[in-house]
Amino acid sequence: MPRSYLWNEVGDVSGYSKVIQNEKNMLLKGVHISDISVYTPNERGNFVCVHTREEIDFSRVNDDFCDCLFDGSDEPGTSACQNGRFYCDTQNNIGHSESVPSSYVNDGICDCCDGSDEWTQIRLPFRLEESVQKNLRRYQSPCPNLCVK
């Protein structure tokens, strides 16, 4: 059974997209700040796939199963859909955001400068020494935050 593990009710919302569900501020991983309205349940409590306009129950968003096969819009924070994009947590209000193909999410390699694409902190079986990772400028999970502040 898939886990709906990407909802979070933490106080620090930097880089997360706010979504209203059951009158609570909810946070959804992988959503671009300009797409927040897309990830709000419609009047029937459903999510609407961006391109096909197919409706699915909102609980199926980010459940690690691709329901919106055409665009992958129901899985912004997982690698379940081949054609999706994951927007890193570090975003700003003028629309700049780092993004990676959704297939890079939770693969054990840090692709976002803030490491947000590796939110499960998977450890690869063959871990390189920290000094080697630093020399290569490629890091394995758990990721350091390398974003320019």
N, C-alpha and C. Protein backbone atom coordinates (compact mmCIF):
# COMPACT_ATOMS: atom_id res chain seq x y z
N MET A 1 0.84 -1.18 0.00
CA MET A 1 0.00 0.00 0.00
C MET A 1 0.89 1.25 0.00
N PRO A 2 0.64 2.19 -0.92
CA PRO A 2 1.49 3.38 -0.98
C PRO A 2 1.32 4.26 0.24
N ARG A 3 2.40 4.90 0.63
CA ARG A 3 2.36 5.82 1.77
C ARG A 3 2.21 7.23 1.24
N SER A 4 1.35 7.99 1.86
CA SER A 4 1.26 9.41 1.52
C SER A 4 2.17 10.15 2.48
N TYR A 5 3.47 10.11 2.22
CA TYR A 5 4.47 10.56 3.16
C TYR A 5 5.00 11.95 2.89
N LEU A 6 4.43 12.68 1.98
CA LEU A 6 5.01 13.96 1.65
C LEU A 6 4.27 15.14 2.24
N TRP A 7 3.23 14.90 2.97
CA TRP A 7 2.52 16.00 3.63
C TRP A 7 3.23 16.32 4.92
N ASN A 8 3.32 17.57 5.22
CA ASN A 8 4.05 17.98 6.40
C ASN A 8 3.39 19.23 6.95
N GLU A 9 3.37 19.38 8.23
CA GLU A 9 2.79 20.57 8.86
C GLU A 9 3.82 21.28 9.72
N VAL A 10 5.00 21.48 9.18
CA VAL A 10 6.05 22.14 9.94
C VAL A 10 5.90 23.64 9.86
N GLY A 11 6.56 24.34 10.77
CA GLY A 11 6.45 25.79 10.79
C GLY A 11 7.26 26.48 9.72
N ASP A 12 8.41 25.93 9.36
CA ASP A 12 9.26 26.57 8.35
C ASP A 12 8.78 26.17 6.97
N VAL A 13 8.23 27.11 6.24
CA VAL A 13 7.68 26.80 4.93
C VAL A 13 8.57 27.28 3.79
N SER A 14 9.80 27.67 4.07
CA SER A 14 10.66 28.15 3.01
C SER A 14 10.89 27.03 1.99
N GLY A 15 10.56 27.31 0.76
CA GLY A 15 10.78 26.35 -0.30
C GLY A 15 9.66 25.35 -0.50
N TYR A 16 8.71 25.29 0.38
CA TYR A 16 7.60 24.38 0.20
C TYR A 16 6.42 25.16 -0.36
N SER A 17 5.53 24.45 -1.01
CA SER A 17 4.33 25.09 -1.52
C SER A 17 3.19 24.85 -0.57
N LYS A 18 2.49 25.90 -0.20
CA LYS A 18 1.36 25.76 0.70
C LYS A 18 0.16 25.21 -0.07
N VAL A 19 -0.53 24.30 0.54
CA VAL A 19 -1.75 23.75 -0.02
C VAL A 19 -2.78 23.74 1.10
N ILE A 20 -3.99 24.13 0.80
CA ILE A 20 -5.05 24.13 1.80
C ILE A 20 -5.85 22.84 1.67
N GLN A 21 -5.93 22.10 2.75
CA GLN A 21 -6.75 20.90 2.78
C GLN A 21 -7.33 20.77 4.18
N ASN A 22 -8.61 20.62 4.27
CA ASN A 22 -9.30 20.52 5.56
C ASN A 22 -8.98 21.72 6.45
N GLU A 23 -8.93 22.90 5.85
CA GLU A 23 -8.68 24.16 6.55
C GLU A 23 -7.33 24.21 7.26
N LYS A 24 -6.37 23.41 6.82
CA LYS A 24 -5.02 23.43 7.39
C LYS A 24 -4.07 23.89 6.31
N ASN A 25 -3.00 24.56 6.69
CA ASN A 25 -1.94 24.83 5.74
C ASN A 25 -1.10 23.57 5.62
N MET A 26 -1.04 23.03 4.42
CA MET A 26 -0.28 21.82 4.19
C MET A 26 0.88 22.16 3.26
N LEU A 27 1.90 21.36 3.28
CA LEU A 27 3.08 21.60 2.47
C LEU A 27 3.29 20.41 1.55
N LEU A 28 3.65 20.69 0.32
CA LEU A 28 3.79 19.62 -0.66
C LEU A 28 5.15 19.70 -1.33
N LYS A 29 5.95 18.68 -1.21
CA LYS A 29 7.29 18.64 -1.80
C LYS A 29 7.22 18.61 -3.32
N GLY A 30 8.19 19.29 -3.95
CA GLY A 30 8.38 19.20 -5.39
C GLY A 30 7.59 20.15 -6.25
N VAL A 31 6.75 20.99 -5.65
CA VAL A 31 5.89 21.89 -6.42
C VAL A 31 6.56 23.24 -6.59
N HIS A 32 6.51 23.78 -7.81
CA HIS A 32 7.03 25.11 -8.06
C HIS A 32 6.11 26.13 -7.40
N ILE A 33 6.69 27.18 -6.85
CA ILE A 33 5.93 28.18 -6.11
C ILE A 33 4.81 28.80 -6.95
N SER A 34 4.99 28.89 -8.27
CA SER A 34 3.96 29.48 -9.13
C SER A 34 2.81 28.52 -9.40
N ASP A 35 2.96 27.25 -9.02
CA ASP A 35 1.92 26.24 -9.27
C ASP A 35 1.11 25.87 -8.04
N ILE A 36 1.22 26.66 -6.99
CA ILE A 36 0.53 26.35 -5.74
C ILE A 36 -0.97 26.13 -5.98
N SER A 37 -1.59 26.97 -6.80
CA SER A 37 -3.04 26.86 -7.01
C SER A 37 -3.44 25.55 -7.67
N VAL A 38 -2.55 24.96 -8.46
CA VAL A 38 -2.83 23.68 -9.10
C VAL A 38 -2.97 22.57 -8.05
N TYR A 39 -2.26 22.72 -6.94
CA TYR A 39 -2.23 21.70 -5.91
C TYR A 39 -3.15 22.04 -4.73
N THR A 40 -4.29 22.60 -5.07
CA THR A 40 -5.35 22.85 -4.11
C THR A 40 -6.53 21.99 -4.54
N PRO A 41 -7.14 21.23 -3.62
CA PRO A 41 -8.28 20.40 -4.00
C PRO A 41 -9.40 21.23 -4.61
N ASN A 42 -10.06 20.66 -5.63
CA ASN A 42 -11.20 21.36 -6.22
C ASN A 42 -12.42 21.24 -5.30
N GLU A 43 -13.55 21.73 -5.75
CA GLU A 43 -14.76 21.75 -4.90
C GLU A 43 -15.23 20.35 -4.50
N ARG A 44 -14.78 19.32 -5.21
CA ARG A 44 -15.13 17.94 -4.85
C ARG A 44 -14.02 17.27 -4.04
N GLY A 45 -13.00 18.04 -3.69
CA GLY A 45 -11.89 17.50 -2.91
C GLY A 45 -10.90 16.71 -3.75
N ASN A 46 -10.93 16.89 -5.06
CA ASN A 46 -10.08 16.12 -5.96
C ASN A 46 -8.93 16.95 -6.52
N PHE A 47 -7.93 16.24 -6.99
CA PHE A 47 -6.84 16.85 -7.75
C PHE A 47 -7.18 16.69 -9.22
N VAL A 48 -6.88 17.71 -10.02
CA VAL A 48 -7.15 17.66 -11.45
C VAL A 48 -5.80 17.58 -12.18
N CYS A 49 -5.59 16.48 -12.93
CA CYS A 49 -4.36 16.32 -13.70
C CYS A 49 -4.23 17.51 -14.66
N VAL A 50 -3.05 18.09 -14.73
CA VAL A 50 -2.85 19.35 -15.44
C VAL A 50 -3.24 19.28 -16.91
N HIS A 51 -2.78 18.28 -17.64
CA HIS A 51 -3.04 18.26 -19.09
C HIS A 51 -4.31 17.53 -19.49
N THR A 52 -4.63 16.43 -18.84
CA THR A 52 -5.80 15.65 -19.26
C THR A 52 -7.08 16.09 -18.56
N ARG A 53 -6.95 16.86 -17.49
CA ARG A 53 -8.08 17.33 -16.67
C ARG A 53 -8.81 16.18 -15.97
N GLU A 54 -8.21 15.00 -15.94
CA GLU A 54 -8.77 13.87 -15.20
C GLU A 54 -8.72 14.18 -13.72
N GLU A 55 -9.76 13.79 -12.99
CA GLU A 55 -9.80 14.02 -11.55
C GLU A 55 -9.47 12.75 -10.79
N ILE A 56 -8.64 12.91 -9.75
CA ILE A 56 -8.34 11.81 -8.84
C ILE A 56 -8.51 12.32 -7.42
N ASP A 57 -8.74 11.42 -6.50
CA ASP A 57 -8.86 11.82 -5.10
C ASP A 57 -7.57 12.49 -4.67
N PHE A 58 -7.67 13.59 -3.93
CA PHE A 58 -6.49 14.37 -3.56
C PHE A 58 -5.50 13.57 -2.72
N SER A 59 -5.95 12.55 -2.03
CA SER A 59 -5.04 11.73 -1.22
C SER A 59 -4.06 10.95 -2.09
N ARG A 60 -4.31 10.88 -3.39
CA ARG A 60 -3.42 10.15 -4.30
C ARG A 60 -2.29 11.02 -4.84
N VAL A 61 -2.24 12.29 -4.45
CA VAL A 61 -1.14 13.17 -4.85
C VAL A 61 0.08 12.82 -3.99
N ASN A 62 1.22 12.63 -4.64
CA ASN A 62 2.47 12.27 -3.96
C ASN A 62 2.36 11.00 -3.13
N ASP A 63 1.64 10.01 -3.67
CA ASP A 63 1.54 8.73 -2.97
C ASP A 63 2.49 7.68 -3.56
N ASP A 64 3.41 8.13 -4.42
CA ASP A 64 4.41 7.29 -5.06
C ASP A 64 3.81 6.34 -6.10
N PHE A 65 2.69 6.73 -6.69
CA PHE A 65 2.07 5.99 -7.79
C PHE A 65 1.60 7.00 -8.83
N CYS A 66 1.99 6.82 -10.06
CA CYS A 66 1.68 7.78 -11.12
C CYS A 66 0.26 7.56 -11.65
N ASP A 67 -0.65 8.48 -11.30
CA ASP A 67 -2.02 8.41 -11.78
C ASP A 67 -2.23 9.27 -13.02
N CYS A 68 -1.54 10.40 -13.10
CA CYS A 68 -1.64 11.30 -14.25
C CYS A 68 -0.53 10.91 -15.23
N LEU A 69 -0.77 9.86 -16.00
CA LEU A 69 0.28 9.28 -16.83
C LEU A 69 0.82 10.23 -17.89
N PHE A 70 -0.02 11.10 -18.43
CA PHE A 70 0.41 11.98 -19.50
C PHE A 70 1.44 13.00 -19.05
N ASP A 71 1.23 13.60 -17.88
CA ASP A 71 2.13 14.67 -17.44
C ASP A 71 2.80 14.43 -16.09
N GLY A 72 2.39 13.42 -15.35
CA GLY A 72 3.00 13.15 -14.05
C GLY A 72 2.72 14.20 -13.00
N SER A 73 1.72 15.03 -13.23
CA SER A 73 1.47 16.16 -12.32
C SER A 73 1.01 15.76 -10.93
N ASP A 74 0.54 14.54 -10.75
CA ASP A 74 0.10 14.12 -9.41
C ASP A 74 1.26 13.69 -8.52
N GLU A 75 2.47 13.61 -9.06
CA GLU A 75 3.63 13.15 -8.29
C GLU A 75 4.79 14.14 -8.36
N PRO A 76 4.59 15.38 -7.91
CA PRO A 76 5.68 16.35 -8.01
C PRO A 76 6.85 16.05 -7.08
N GLY A 77 6.64 15.27 -6.05
CA GLY A 77 7.70 15.04 -5.07
C GLY A 77 8.24 13.64 -5.03
N THR A 78 7.90 12.81 -6.03
CA THR A 78 8.41 11.43 -6.05
C THR A 78 8.98 11.12 -7.42
N SER A 79 9.54 9.94 -7.56
CA SER A 79 10.07 9.50 -8.85
C SER A 79 9.11 8.55 -9.55
N ALA A 80 7.84 8.55 -9.15
CA ALA A 80 6.87 7.60 -9.69
C ALA A 80 6.54 7.82 -11.17
N CYS A 81 6.60 9.06 -11.63
CA CYS A 81 6.25 9.37 -13.01
C CYS A 81 7.52 9.70 -13.80
N GLN A 82 7.66 9.08 -14.96
CA GLN A 82 8.86 9.26 -15.76
C GLN A 82 9.04 10.67 -16.30
N ASN A 83 7.96 11.36 -16.57
CA ASN A 83 8.05 12.65 -17.25
C ASN A 83 7.83 13.85 -16.33
N GLY A 84 7.95 13.66 -15.03
CA GLY A 84 7.71 14.75 -14.09
C GLY A 84 8.95 15.59 -13.80
N ARG A 85 8.75 16.72 -13.13
CA ARG A 85 9.82 17.59 -12.67
C ARG A 85 9.67 17.76 -11.17
N PHE A 86 10.79 17.78 -10.49
CA PHE A 86 10.84 18.04 -9.06
C PHE A 86 11.47 19.40 -8.88
N TYR A 87 10.77 20.31 -8.19
CA TYR A 87 11.32 21.63 -7.91
C TYR A 87 11.92 21.62 -6.51
N CYS A 88 13.18 21.96 -6.44
CA CYS A 88 13.93 21.94 -5.19
C CYS A 88 13.29 22.90 -4.19
N ASP A 89 13.53 22.66 -2.90
CA ASP A 89 12.95 23.49 -1.85
C ASP A 89 13.37 24.95 -1.96
N THR A 90 14.61 25.20 -2.35
CA THR A 90 15.10 26.57 -2.44
C THR A 90 14.46 27.25 -3.65
N GLN A 91 13.51 28.12 -3.38
CA GLN A 91 12.80 28.87 -4.41
C GLN A 91 12.68 30.30 -3.93
N ASN A 92 12.41 31.20 -4.85
CA ASN A 92 12.16 32.57 -4.43
C ASN A 92 10.87 33.07 -5.07
N ASN A 93 10.42 34.18 -4.63
CA ASN A 93 9.12 34.69 -5.07
C ASN A 93 9.12 35.27 -6.48
N ILE A 94 10.28 35.39 -7.12
CA ILE A 94 10.28 35.90 -8.48
C ILE A 94 10.32 34.76 -9.50
N GLY A 95 10.07 33.55 -9.04
CA GLY A 95 9.93 32.42 -9.94
C GLY A 95 11.18 31.63 -10.23
N HIS A 96 12.35 32.03 -9.68
CA HIS A 96 13.56 31.25 -9.91
C HIS A 96 13.53 30.00 -9.04
N SER A 97 13.78 28.87 -9.66
CA SER A 97 13.82 27.63 -8.91
C SER A 97 14.69 26.62 -9.63
N GLU A 98 15.44 25.91 -8.86
CA GLU A 98 16.23 24.80 -9.40
C GLU A 98 15.28 23.61 -9.51
N SER A 99 15.38 22.86 -10.60
CA SER A 99 14.56 21.67 -10.74
C SER A 99 15.38 20.55 -11.36
N VAL A 100 14.91 19.33 -11.13
CA VAL A 100 15.56 18.15 -11.68
C VAL A 100 14.47 17.22 -12.20
N PRO A 101 14.81 16.32 -13.12
CA PRO A 101 13.83 15.32 -13.54
C PRO A 101 13.38 14.51 -12.33
N SER A 102 12.12 14.17 -12.28
CA SER A 102 11.61 13.45 -11.11
C SER A 102 12.29 12.10 -10.91
N SER A 103 12.88 11.55 -11.96
CA SER A 103 13.59 10.28 -11.81
C SER A 103 14.82 10.41 -10.91
N TYR A 104 15.28 11.63 -10.65
CA TYR A 104 16.43 11.87 -9.77
C TYR A 104 16.05 11.90 -8.29
N VAL A 105 14.76 11.92 -7.98
CA VAL A 105 14.31 12.04 -6.59
C VAL A 105 14.58 10.74 -5.85
N ASN A 106 15.23 10.87 -4.71
CA ASN A 106 15.53 9.74 -3.82
C ASN A 106 16.32 8.61 -4.48
N ASP A 107 17.30 9.01 -5.31
CA ASP A 107 18.17 8.01 -5.94
C ASP A 107 19.51 7.88 -5.23
N GLY A 108 19.68 8.64 -4.14
CA GLY A 108 20.91 8.57 -3.36
C GLY A 108 21.96 9.58 -3.77
N ILE A 109 21.72 10.32 -4.86
CA ILE A 109 22.66 11.34 -5.35
C ILE A 109 22.03 12.71 -5.17
N CYS A 110 22.76 13.64 -4.60
CA CYS A 110 22.27 15.00 -4.33
C CYS A 110 22.31 15.82 -5.62
N ASP A 111 21.15 16.23 -6.10
CA ASP A 111 21.07 17.03 -7.32
C ASP A 111 20.67 18.47 -7.03
N CYS A 112 19.81 18.69 -6.05
CA CYS A 112 19.43 20.04 -5.65
C CYS A 112 20.53 20.60 -4.74
N CYS A 113 20.81 21.88 -4.86
CA CYS A 113 21.87 22.47 -4.02
C CYS A 113 21.53 22.34 -2.53
N ASP A 114 20.24 22.28 -2.20
CA ASP A 114 19.83 22.16 -0.80
C ASP A 114 19.61 20.71 -0.38
N GLY A 115 19.77 19.77 -1.32
CA GLY A 115 19.59 18.35 -1.01
C GLY A 115 18.15 17.91 -0.89
N SER A 116 17.20 18.76 -1.23
CA SER A 116 15.79 18.44 -1.02
C SER A 116 15.28 17.31 -1.90
N ASP A 117 15.99 16.98 -2.98
CA ASP A 117 15.58 15.86 -3.82
C ASP A 117 15.87 14.51 -3.16
N GLU A 118 16.60 14.53 -2.08
CA GLU A 118 16.94 13.30 -1.35
C GLU A 118 16.31 13.33 0.05
N TRP A 119 15.02 13.60 0.09
CA TRP A 119 14.34 13.77 1.37
C TRP A 119 14.24 12.48 2.19
N THR A 120 14.37 11.29 1.57
CA THR A 120 14.35 10.05 2.36
C THR A 120 15.73 9.71 2.90
N GLN A 121 16.76 10.42 2.43
CA GLN A 121 18.14 10.22 2.86
C GLN A 121 18.62 8.77 2.69
N ILE A 122 18.32 8.22 1.52
CA ILE A 122 18.78 6.88 1.16
C ILE A 122 20.30 6.87 1.16
N ARG A 123 20.88 5.85 1.74
CA ARG A 123 22.33 5.70 1.71
C ARG A 123 22.67 4.59 0.72
N LEU A 124 23.50 4.94 -0.26
CA LEU A 124 23.93 3.96 -1.24
C LEU A 124 24.85 2.94 -0.58
N PRO A 125 24.84 1.70 -1.06
CA PRO A 125 25.67 0.66 -0.42
C PRO A 125 27.17 0.94 -0.53
N PHE A 126 27.59 1.62 -1.58
CA PHE A 126 29.01 1.95 -1.74
C PHE A 126 29.15 3.46 -1.62
N ARG A 127 29.47 3.89 -0.43
CA ARG A 127 29.56 5.32 -0.16
C ARG A 127 31.00 5.81 -0.33
N LEU A 128 31.14 6.89 -1.12
CA LEU A 128 32.45 7.50 -1.31
C LEU A 128 32.83 8.29 -0.06
N GLU A 129 34.11 8.38 0.19
CA GLU A 129 34.61 9.20 1.30
C GLU A 129 34.17 10.64 1.07
N GLU A 130 33.93 11.35 2.17
CA GLU A 130 33.50 12.75 2.08
C GLU A 130 34.48 13.60 1.26
N SER A 131 35.78 13.36 1.44
CA SER A 131 36.78 14.14 0.71
C SER A 131 36.70 13.88 -0.80
N VAL A 132 36.39 12.67 -1.20
CA VAL A 132 36.24 12.34 -2.62
C VAL A 132 34.99 13.03 -3.18
N GLN A 133 33.90 12.99 -2.42
CA GLN A 133 32.67 13.66 -2.86
C GLN A 133 32.92 15.16 -3.04
N LYS A 134 33.62 15.74 -2.08
CA LYS A 134 33.90 17.18 -2.16
C LYS A 134 34.77 17.50 -3.37
N ASN A 135 35.77 16.67 -3.61
CA ASN A 135 36.66 16.86 -4.76
C ASN A 135 35.89 16.75 -6.08
N LEU A 136 34.97 15.80 -6.16
CA LEU A 136 34.16 15.61 -7.37
C LEU A 136 33.02 16.64 -7.50
N ARG A 137 32.73 17.31 -6.39
CA ARG A 137 31.61 18.24 -6.31
C ARG A 137 30.28 17.54 -6.64
N ARG A 138 30.21 16.28 -6.27
CA ARG A 138 29.00 15.47 -6.38
C ARG A 138 28.85 14.76 -5.04
N TYR A 139 27.68 14.82 -4.47
CA TYR A 139 27.47 14.30 -3.12
C TYR A 139 26.43 13.21 -3.10
N GLN A 140 26.62 12.31 -2.14
CA GLN A 140 25.66 11.25 -1.90
C GLN A 140 24.83 11.62 -0.67
N SER A 141 23.65 11.09 -0.62
CA SER A 141 22.75 11.32 0.51
C SER A 141 23.34 10.69 1.77
N PRO A 142 23.17 11.37 2.93
CA PRO A 142 22.46 12.61 3.18
C PRO A 142 23.26 13.81 2.63
N CYS A 143 22.52 14.77 2.12
CA CYS A 143 23.10 15.87 1.36
C CYS A 143 23.44 17.09 2.22
N PRO A 144 24.57 17.71 1.91
CA PRO A 144 24.86 19.00 2.54
C PRO A 144 24.08 20.09 1.82
N ASN A 145 23.81 21.18 2.49
CA ASN A 145 23.15 22.32 1.85
C ASN A 145 24.24 23.20 1.25
N LEU A 146 24.30 23.22 -0.08
CA LEU A 146 25.35 23.97 -0.79
C LEU A 146 24.80 25.18 -1.51
N CYS A 147 23.58 25.57 -1.21
CA CYS A 147 22.97 26.71 -1.88
C CYS A 147 23.69 28.01 -1.47
N VAL A 148 23.86 28.88 -2.43
CA VAL A 148 24.44 30.19 -2.16
C VAL A 148 23.42 30.99 -1.37
N LYS A 149 23.86 31.54 -0.26
CA LYS A 149 22.92 32.25 0.59
C LYS A 149 22.93 33.72 0.30
